[in-house]
Structure formats: C-alpha cells, structure tokens
C-alpha cells in the first residue's frame, strides 16, 4: 500500500512539474524584423508593415543579395529560404510593391544581414539509421 501511494505522489509531482514548464510551441509575437538560421534554411519574419501615405500595397518582394527570390502576398509575415549555402553571409531585403498616386512604385521596408554557419545547424538531428538488419560484427 505504501509503494502505491509513493508512486501516486511521484506521478502527481511529475504531472505538476510538466504543467508548470513553459510551452515551446507558443511563439512570441514578432515585434521587429528578424532572421533565424534553421536546420537547412533561413526564416525571415516581420511584423505587420505600414505603407507610406497614399501607397497602395499589391504584393511584397523578398530579395537575397539584391536578387529577387520570392514575390509574396501583401499579408505575408514570413519567408523561408531553402536555397542557402553554408558558410556565407546573405542580406535579405523586403520591399512593398504597389502604386503611389496611380504609378507603379516600390518602397523598401527593411533589410537584414545573416551569416549562415559553415555547417548545417540541425545536422545532428537527422536520423541516419539504416533500414533492415545491421551486422555489428563480433562472434556470430
């Protein structure tokens, strides 16, 4: 009987400890443009953008190193760049594309510089276990 009550107390304590841990799934709101190097990509995030006066936004354009890499919805709040090379520094720039007084116009929203390490960040998290039987050698 004592063992069962001890196990129940340990289970309750473990449950309370688990519930008191902060949730990693709840992301903090983005207050300023930021870039994060992920396992095999770079994620650029930004808060809602305010266009200049009388500027009608039609879309957003993301540039990496002055080259257009994506045209995004005007409501987009992030961009994932999967075509990165390790060991390089990249500059990402987001521009608003639209019209100003009925003329085509572009307004630069922000730019960020990111250094991608010379190794893949999440490489150790990839499962490389071979499928099937694995002979580990030995006497048999």
Protein backbone atom coordinates (compact mmCIF):
# COMPACT_ATOMS: atom_id res chain seq x y z
CA UNK A 1 0.00 0.00 0.00
CA UNK A 2 2.82 2.40 0.83
CA UNK A 3 4.51 1.72 -2.50
CA UNK A 4 1.30 2.53 -4.41
CA UNK A 5 0.86 5.83 -2.54
CA UNK A 6 4.51 6.74 -3.20
CA UNK A 7 4.08 6.02 -6.90
CA UNK A 8 0.91 8.11 -6.97
CA UNK A 9 2.70 11.00 -5.24
CA UNK A 10 5.59 10.81 -7.71
CA UNK A 11 3.15 10.75 -10.63
CA UNK A 12 1.31 13.80 -9.32
CA UNK A 13 4.58 15.68 -8.74
CA UNK A 14 5.78 14.83 -12.27
CA UNK A 15 2.48 15.99 -13.77
CA UNK A 16 2.62 19.28 -11.87
CA UNK A 17 6.24 19.85 -12.93
CA UNK A 18 5.32 19.17 -16.55
CA UNK A 19 2.36 21.54 -16.45
CA UNK A 20 4.45 24.33 -14.93
CA UNK A 21 7.00 24.21 -17.79
CA UNK A 22 6.72 27.00 -20.38
CA UNK A 23 5.35 25.89 -23.72
CA UNK A 24 7.88 26.00 -26.57
CA UNK A 25 5.09 25.79 -29.12
CA UNK A 26 3.79 29.27 -28.30
CA UNK A 27 5.89 31.70 -30.29
CA UNK A 28 6.34 35.25 -29.12
CA UNK A 29 4.86 37.85 -31.47
CA UNK A 30 7.34 39.35 -33.90
CA UNK A 31 7.95 42.97 -32.89
CA UNK A 32 10.81 43.72 -35.29
CA UNK A 33 12.15 42.08 -38.44
CA UNK A 34 14.36 39.11 -37.63
CA UNK A 35 16.15 36.28 -39.37
CA UNK A 36 16.72 32.84 -37.88
CA UNK A 37 19.04 30.15 -39.22
CA UNK A 38 17.14 26.85 -39.07
CA UNK A 39 18.35 23.30 -39.81
CA UNK A 40 18.56 23.75 -43.59
CA UNK A 41 17.07 27.17 -44.26
CA UNK A 42 16.83 30.78 -43.13
CA UNK A 43 13.49 32.12 -41.88
CA UNK A 44 12.88 35.86 -42.15
CA UNK A 45 9.93 37.17 -40.10
CA UNK A 46 8.46 40.63 -39.70
CA UNK A 47 5.50 42.35 -38.01
CA UNK A 48 2.65 43.95 -39.94
CA UNK A 49 4.10 46.58 -42.24
CA UNK A 50 2.81 50.11 -42.56
CA UNK A 51 2.95 51.55 -46.06
CA UNK A 52 3.87 55.15 -46.76
CA UNK A 53 1.00 57.60 -47.10
CA UNK A 54 -1.07 57.10 -50.29
CA UNK A 55 0.87 53.95 -51.15
CA UNK A 56 -1.41 51.05 -52.17
CA UNK A 57 0.36 47.75 -51.50
CA UNK A 58 -0.20 44.99 -54.06
CA UNK A 59 2.49 42.49 -53.01
CA UNK A 60 5.82 42.06 -51.25
CA UNK A 61 9.16 41.18 -52.82
CA UNK A 62 11.95 39.42 -50.91
CA UNK A 63 15.50 39.85 -52.17
CA UNK A 64 18.58 37.91 -51.15
CA UNK A 65 21.81 39.71 -52.01
CA UNK A 66 19.91 42.13 -54.29
CA UNK A 67 18.29 39.32 -56.33
CA UNK A 68 14.55 38.65 -56.17
CA UNK A 69 13.95 35.26 -54.54
CA UNK A 70 10.18 35.48 -53.91
CA UNK A 71 7.06 37.50 -54.55
CA UNK A 72 4.75 37.24 -51.56
CA UNK A 73 1.20 38.13 -50.62
CA UNK A 74 0.82 41.58 -49.07
CA UNK A 75 -0.38 39.79 -45.91
CA UNK A 76 2.71 37.56 -45.60
CA UNK A 77 4.64 37.77 -42.31
CA UNK A 78 7.49 35.35 -43.03
CA UNK A 79 9.67 33.82 -45.72
CA UNK A 80 11.69 30.59 -45.61
CA UNK A 81 14.76 30.48 -47.83
CA UNK A 82 15.63 26.84 -48.54
CA UNK A 83 18.31 27.65 -51.13
CA UNK A 84 21.08 28.72 -48.77
CA UNK A 85 24.73 27.81 -48.92
CA UNK A 86 26.62 27.15 -45.71
CA UNK A 87 29.44 29.48 -44.73
CA UNK A 88 28.03 32.56 -46.49
CA UNK A 89 26.64 35.91 -45.40
CA UNK A 90 23.38 36.99 -47.02
CA UNK A 91 21.45 40.25 -46.96
CA UNK A 92 17.66 39.92 -47.12
CA UNK A 93 15.58 42.94 -48.11
CA UNK A 94 11.79 43.19 -48.18
CA UNK A 95 10.05 45.73 -50.38
CA UNK A 96 6.43 46.73 -50.76
CA UNK A 97 5.27 46.72 -54.37
CA UNK A 98 2.24 48.76 -55.37
CA UNK A 99 1.12 52.12 -56.60
CA UNK A 100 1.63 55.67 -55.41
CA UNK A 101 -0.68 58.21 -56.99
CA UNK A 102 -1.59 55.68 -59.71
CA UNK A 103 2.03 54.98 -60.67
CA UNK A 104 3.96 51.79 -60.09
CA UNK A 105 6.11 52.16 -57.00
CA UNK A 106 8.36 50.25 -54.62
CA UNK A 107 9.12 51.06 -51.01
CA UNK A 108 11.90 49.30 -49.08
CA UNK A 109 10.54 48.00 -45.78
CA UNK A 110 13.73 46.63 -44.16
CA UNK A 111 16.93 44.72 -44.74
CA UNK A 112 18.75 42.18 -42.55
CA UNK A 113 22.14 40.53 -42.80
CA UNK A 114 22.50 36.87 -41.80
CA UNK A 115 25.64 34.77 -41.51
CA UNK A 116 24.99 31.10 -42.21
CA UNK A 117 27.46 28.89 -40.30
CA UNK A 118 29.85 26.68 -42.24
CA UNK A 119 27.89 23.60 -41.12
CA UNK A 120 24.21 22.62 -41.15
CA UNK A 121 22.67 23.67 -37.84
CA UNK A 122 20.38 20.65 -37.35
CA UNK A 123 22.55 18.02 -38.98
CA UNK A 124 22.89 16.02 -35.74
CA UNK A 125 19.10 15.74 -35.51
CA UNK A 126 18.70 13.75 -38.72
CA UNK A 127 18.15 10.03 -38.25
CA UNK A 128 20.73 8.12 -40.31
CA UNK A 129 19.85 4.65 -39.01
CA UNK A 130 19.92 2.19 -41.90
CA UNK A 131 16.79 0.21 -42.68
CA UNK A 132 16.92 -3.54 -42.13
CA UNK A 133 19.33 -5.75 -40.24
CA UNK A 134 22.63 -4.21 -39.18
CA UNK A 135 25.60 -6.55 -38.63
CA UNK A 136 27.68 -5.06 -35.84
CA UNK A 137 30.36 -7.72 -36.23
CA UNK A 138 31.68 -9.82 -33.41
CA UNK A 139 31.50 -13.55 -32.93
CA UNK A 140 28.47 -14.72 -34.60
